Amino acid sequence: MSDAAKLDAVRQLLQNAFPKGTIQEDADPDEIGRRFTVTCQGARYITVISREFLDSHAPERIADKLNSFLLIEHLRDMKDTTVIVTNGGLSL
């Protein structure tokens, strides 16, 4: 599957979790993967999805895996803190 489909899966998960938010996607400055910044009601939620994670999961499995890591809950609790996703889970 293409990277575009995998990135779309991440984008859709974030849009569903923050329906009033705007999502910006760009290259992670540390070149770990792709950085997603959600701005919603004055708050910023930032996650970096590692290349390792994207390469290891099919697009249709990405949302379930991110949900199993409780990514959205961690983002909501840690405004303005970058949450990094790897195959091993979440880190700061």
N, C-alpha and C. Protein backbone atom coordinates (compact mmCIF):
# COMPACT_ATOMS: atom_id res chain seq x y z
N MET A 1 0.84 -1.19 0.00
CA MET A 1 0.00 0.00 0.00
C MET A 1 0.88 1.24 0.00
N SER A 2 0.31 2.31 -0.47
CA SER A 2 1.07 3.55 -0.58
C SER A 2 1.15 4.28 0.75
N ASP A 3 2.18 5.09 0.88
CA ASP A 3 2.30 5.94 2.06
C ASP A 3 1.11 6.89 2.14
N ALA A 4 0.60 7.34 1.01
CA ALA A 4 -0.52 8.28 1.02
C ALA A 4 -1.72 7.68 1.74
N ALA A 5 -2.01 6.42 1.50
CA ALA A 5 -3.13 5.77 2.17
C ALA A 5 -2.89 5.64 3.67
N LYS A 6 -1.66 5.39 4.06
CA LYS A 6 -1.32 5.28 5.48
C LYS A 6 -1.44 6.64 6.16
N LEU A 7 -0.94 7.67 5.51
CA LEU A 7 -1.04 9.02 6.07
C LEU A 7 -2.50 9.48 6.13
N ASP A 8 -3.27 9.10 5.13
CA ASP A 8 -4.71 9.41 5.15
C ASP A 8 -5.40 8.76 6.35
N ALA A 9 -4.99 7.54 6.68
CA ALA A 9 -5.58 6.84 7.83
C ALA A 9 -5.29 7.60 9.13
N VAL A 10 -4.07 8.10 9.27
CA VAL A 10 -3.71 8.89 10.45
C VAL A 10 -4.53 10.18 10.47
N ARG A 11 -4.56 10.86 9.34
CA ARG A 11 -5.31 12.12 9.22
C ARG A 11 -6.78 11.93 9.59
N GLN A 12 -7.38 10.86 9.11
CA GLN A 12 -8.79 10.58 9.38
C GLN A 12 -9.04 10.33 10.86
N LEU A 13 -8.15 9.58 11.50
CA LEU A 13 -8.27 9.34 12.93
C LEU A 13 -8.23 10.66 13.70
N LEU A 14 -7.29 11.52 13.35
CA LEU A 14 -7.16 12.82 14.03
C LEU A 14 -8.38 13.70 13.76
N GLN A 15 -8.86 13.70 12.52
CA GLN A 15 -10.03 14.52 12.18
C GLN A 15 -11.27 14.04 12.94
N ASN A 16 -11.41 12.74 13.08
CA ASN A 16 -12.55 12.19 13.84
C ASN A 16 -12.46 12.55 15.32
N ALA A 17 -11.24 12.57 15.85
CA ALA A 17 -11.05 12.87 17.27
C ALA A 17 -11.17 14.36 17.57
N PHE A 18 -10.80 15.18 16.60
CA PHE A 18 -10.83 16.64 16.75
C PHE A 18 -11.60 17.24 15.57
N PRO A 19 -12.91 17.03 15.51
CA PRO A 19 -13.67 17.43 14.32
C PRO A 19 -13.65 18.93 14.02
N LYS A 20 -13.43 19.76 15.02
CA LYS A 20 -13.36 21.20 14.79
C LYS A 20 -11.94 21.69 14.59
N GLY A 21 -11.00 20.77 14.59
CA GLY A 21 -9.59 21.14 14.48
C GLY A 21 -9.10 21.24 13.04
N THR A 22 -7.97 21.90 12.89
CA THR A 22 -7.28 21.92 11.61
C THR A 22 -6.00 21.10 11.77
N ILE A 23 -5.68 20.35 10.74
CA ILE A 23 -4.54 19.43 10.80
C ILE A 23 -3.49 19.90 9.82
N GLN A 24 -2.28 20.04 10.34
CA GLN A 24 -1.13 20.36 9.50
C GLN A 24 -0.20 19.16 9.53
N GLU A 25 0.30 18.79 8.38
CA GLU A 25 1.22 17.65 8.29
C GLU A 25 2.50 18.11 7.63
N ASP A 26 3.62 17.69 8.18
CA ASP A 26 4.90 18.01 7.55
C ASP A 26 5.95 16.98 7.97
N ALA A 27 7.12 17.14 7.41
CA ALA A 27 8.22 16.25 7.76
C ALA A 27 8.67 16.56 9.16
N ASP A 28 8.95 15.54 9.93
CA ASP A 28 9.48 15.72 11.28
C ASP A 28 10.90 16.27 11.16
N PRO A 29 11.23 17.33 11.91
CA PRO A 29 12.57 17.91 11.81
C PRO A 29 13.69 16.93 12.16
N ASP A 30 13.40 15.95 13.00
CA ASP A 30 14.40 14.94 13.36
C ASP A 30 14.42 13.76 12.39
N GLU A 31 13.57 13.84 11.37
CA GLU A 31 13.49 12.83 10.31
C GLU A 31 13.10 11.45 10.81
N ILE A 32 12.32 11.41 11.88
CA ILE A 32 11.82 10.14 12.40
C ILE A 32 10.67 9.64 11.55
N GLY A 33 9.82 10.55 11.11
CA GLY A 33 8.64 10.19 10.34
C GLY A 33 7.86 11.42 9.92
N ARG A 34 6.55 11.39 10.08
CA ARG A 34 5.68 12.51 9.70
C ARG A 34 5.09 13.14 10.95
N ARG A 35 5.11 14.47 10.99
CA ARG A 35 4.55 15.18 12.14
C ARG A 35 3.17 15.72 11.78
N PHE A 36 2.23 15.50 12.68
CA PHE A 36 0.87 16.01 12.55
C PHE A 36 0.63 16.96 13.71
N THR A 37 0.18 18.17 13.39
CA THR A 37 -0.16 19.15 14.41
C THR A 37 -1.64 19.48 14.24
N VAL A 38 -2.41 19.26 15.29
CA VAL A 38 -3.83 19.58 15.28
C VAL A 38 -4.01 20.83 16.13
N THR A 39 -4.64 21.84 15.55
CA THR A 39 -4.99 23.04 16.30
C THR A 39 -6.50 23.05 16.46
N CYS A 40 -6.93 23.10 17.72
CA CYS A 40 -8.36 23.00 18.00
C CYS A 40 -8.69 23.83 19.24
N GLN A 41 -9.54 24.80 19.04
CA GLN A 41 -10.02 25.65 20.13
C GLN A 41 -8.87 26.21 20.96
N GLY A 42 -7.86 26.72 20.28
CA GLY A 42 -6.73 27.37 20.94
C GLY A 42 -5.65 26.45 21.46
N ALA A 43 -5.83 25.17 21.35
CA ALA A 43 -4.83 24.20 21.83
C ALA A 43 -4.15 23.53 20.64
N ARG A 44 -2.91 23.08 20.88
CA ARG A 44 -2.17 22.32 19.85
C ARG A 44 -1.88 20.92 20.37
N TYR A 45 -2.09 19.96 19.49
CA TYR A 45 -1.83 18.55 19.79
C TYR A 45 -0.87 18.06 18.72
N ILE A 46 0.27 17.51 19.12
CA ILE A 46 1.33 17.19 18.17
C ILE A 46 1.72 15.72 18.31
N THR A 47 1.77 15.04 17.18
CA THR A 47 2.26 13.66 17.18
C THR A 47 3.19 13.45 15.99
N VAL A 48 4.18 12.63 16.20
CA VAL A 48 5.07 12.19 15.13
C VAL A 48 4.83 10.70 14.96
N ILE A 49 4.44 10.31 13.75
CA ILE A 49 4.24 8.90 13.42
C ILE A 49 5.52 8.42 12.75
N SER A 50 6.20 7.50 13.38
CA SER A 50 7.51 7.08 12.88
C SER A 50 7.41 6.33 11.55
N ARG A 51 8.47 6.42 10.80
CA ARG A 51 8.58 5.68 9.54
C ARG A 51 8.45 4.19 9.83
N GLU A 52 9.06 3.74 10.90
CA GLU A 52 8.99 2.33 11.32
C GLU A 52 7.53 1.89 11.48
N PHE A 53 6.74 2.71 12.17
CA PHE A 53 5.33 2.38 12.39
C PHE A 53 4.58 2.34 11.06
N LEU A 54 4.78 3.35 10.23
CA LEU A 54 4.07 3.40 8.94
C LEU A 54 4.44 2.21 8.05
N ASP A 55 5.72 1.87 8.04
CA ASP A 55 6.17 0.76 7.20
C ASP A 55 5.63 -0.59 7.67
N SER A 56 5.31 -0.70 8.95
CA SER A 56 4.92 -1.98 9.53
C SER A 56 3.43 -2.26 9.53
N HIS A 57 2.60 -1.27 9.18
CA HIS A 57 1.16 -1.44 9.30
C HIS A 57 0.43 -1.07 8.02
N ALA A 58 -0.54 -1.91 7.67
CA ALA A 58 -1.40 -1.62 6.52
C ALA A 58 -2.34 -0.47 6.88
N PRO A 59 -2.75 0.32 5.90
CA PRO A 59 -3.62 1.47 6.19
C PRO A 59 -4.85 1.12 7.00
N GLU A 60 -5.46 -0.02 6.72
CA GLU A 60 -6.70 -0.39 7.41
C GLU A 60 -6.46 -0.81 8.87
N ARG A 61 -5.21 -0.99 9.27
CA ARG A 61 -4.89 -1.40 10.65
C ARG A 61 -4.36 -0.23 11.49
N ILE A 62 -4.04 0.87 10.84
CA ILE A 62 -3.38 1.97 11.54
C ILE A 62 -4.25 2.56 12.64
N ALA A 63 -5.49 2.88 12.36
CA ALA A 63 -6.36 3.49 13.37
C ALA A 63 -6.52 2.57 14.58
N ASP A 64 -6.74 1.28 14.36
CA ASP A 64 -6.88 0.35 15.47
C ASP A 64 -5.63 0.30 16.33
N LYS A 65 -4.49 0.29 15.67
CA LYS A 65 -3.22 0.22 16.42
C LYS A 65 -3.01 1.51 17.21
N LEU A 66 -3.26 2.67 16.60
CA LEU A 66 -3.12 3.94 17.32
C LEU A 66 -4.10 4.02 18.48
N ASN A 67 -5.31 3.52 18.28
CA ASN A 67 -6.29 3.48 19.37
C ASN A 67 -5.84 2.56 20.49
N SER A 68 -5.20 1.44 20.15
CA SER A 68 -4.72 0.53 21.19
C SER A 68 -3.61 1.17 22.03
N PHE A 69 -2.88 2.11 21.43
CA PHE A 69 -1.85 2.87 22.15
C PHE A 69 -2.45 4.04 22.94
N LEU A 70 -3.76 4.29 22.78
CA LEU A 70 -4.44 5.42 23.42
C LEU A 70 -3.84 6.76 22.99
N LEU A 71 -3.49 6.84 21.71
CA LEU A 71 -2.87 8.06 21.20
C LEU A 71 -3.72 9.30 21.44
N ILE A 72 -4.99 9.26 21.10
CA ILE A 72 -5.86 10.43 21.22
C ILE A 72 -5.94 10.88 22.68
N GLU A 73 -6.10 9.95 23.59
CA GLU A 73 -6.18 10.29 25.01
C GLU A 73 -4.90 10.96 25.48
N HIS A 74 -3.75 10.44 25.05
CA HIS A 74 -2.48 11.05 25.42
C HIS A 74 -2.33 12.44 24.81
N LEU A 75 -2.72 12.60 23.57
CA LEU A 75 -2.64 13.93 22.96
C LEU A 75 -3.48 14.94 23.73
N ARG A 76 -4.69 14.55 24.08
CA ARG A 76 -5.57 15.47 24.82
C ARG A 76 -4.99 15.84 26.19
N ASP A 77 -4.31 14.90 26.82
CA ASP A 77 -3.73 15.15 28.14
C ASP A 77 -2.42 15.96 28.06
N MET A 78 -1.78 15.95 26.90
CA MET A 78 -0.44 16.52 26.80
C MET A 78 -0.36 17.59 25.70
N LYS A 79 -1.22 18.58 25.81
CA LYS A 79 -1.23 19.67 24.83
C LYS A 79 0.18 20.24 24.69
N ASP A 80 0.53 20.59 23.47
CA ASP A 80 1.82 21.22 23.13
C ASP A 80 3.03 20.33 23.38
N THR A 81 2.81 19.06 23.69
CA THR A 81 3.91 18.11 23.86
C THR A 81 3.86 17.12 22.70
N THR A 82 4.99 16.88 22.08
CA THR A 82 5.05 15.95 20.96
C THR A 82 5.01 14.50 21.47
N VAL A 83 4.04 13.75 20.97
CA VAL A 83 3.90 12.33 21.30
C VAL A 83 4.38 11.54 20.08
N ILE A 84 5.40 10.74 20.28
CA ILE A 84 6.01 9.97 19.18
C ILE A 84 5.46 8.56 19.19
N VAL A 85 5.06 8.09 18.00
CA VAL A 85 4.52 6.75 17.84
C VAL A 85 5.55 5.87 17.12
N THR A 86 5.92 4.77 17.76
CA THR A 86 6.77 3.76 17.13
C THR A 86 6.07 2.42 17.27
N ASN A 87 6.67 1.38 16.77
CA ASN A 87 6.07 0.05 16.92
C ASN A 87 6.00 -0.37 18.38
N GLY A 88 6.86 0.18 19.20
CA GLY A 88 6.86 -0.17 20.62
C GLY A 88 5.85 0.58 21.45
N GLY A 89 5.20 1.56 20.86
CA GLY A 89 4.19 2.34 21.59
C GLY A 89 4.46 3.82 21.49
N LEU A 90 4.11 4.54 22.56
CA LEU A 90 4.21 5.99 22.58
C LEU A 90 5.39 6.42 23.45
N SER A 91 5.99 7.55 23.06
CA SER A 91 7.03 8.16 23.88
C SER A 91 6.97 9.67 23.68
N LEU A 92 7.68 10.37 24.54
CA LEU A 92 7.71 11.85 24.46
C LEU A 92 9.04 12.32 23.91
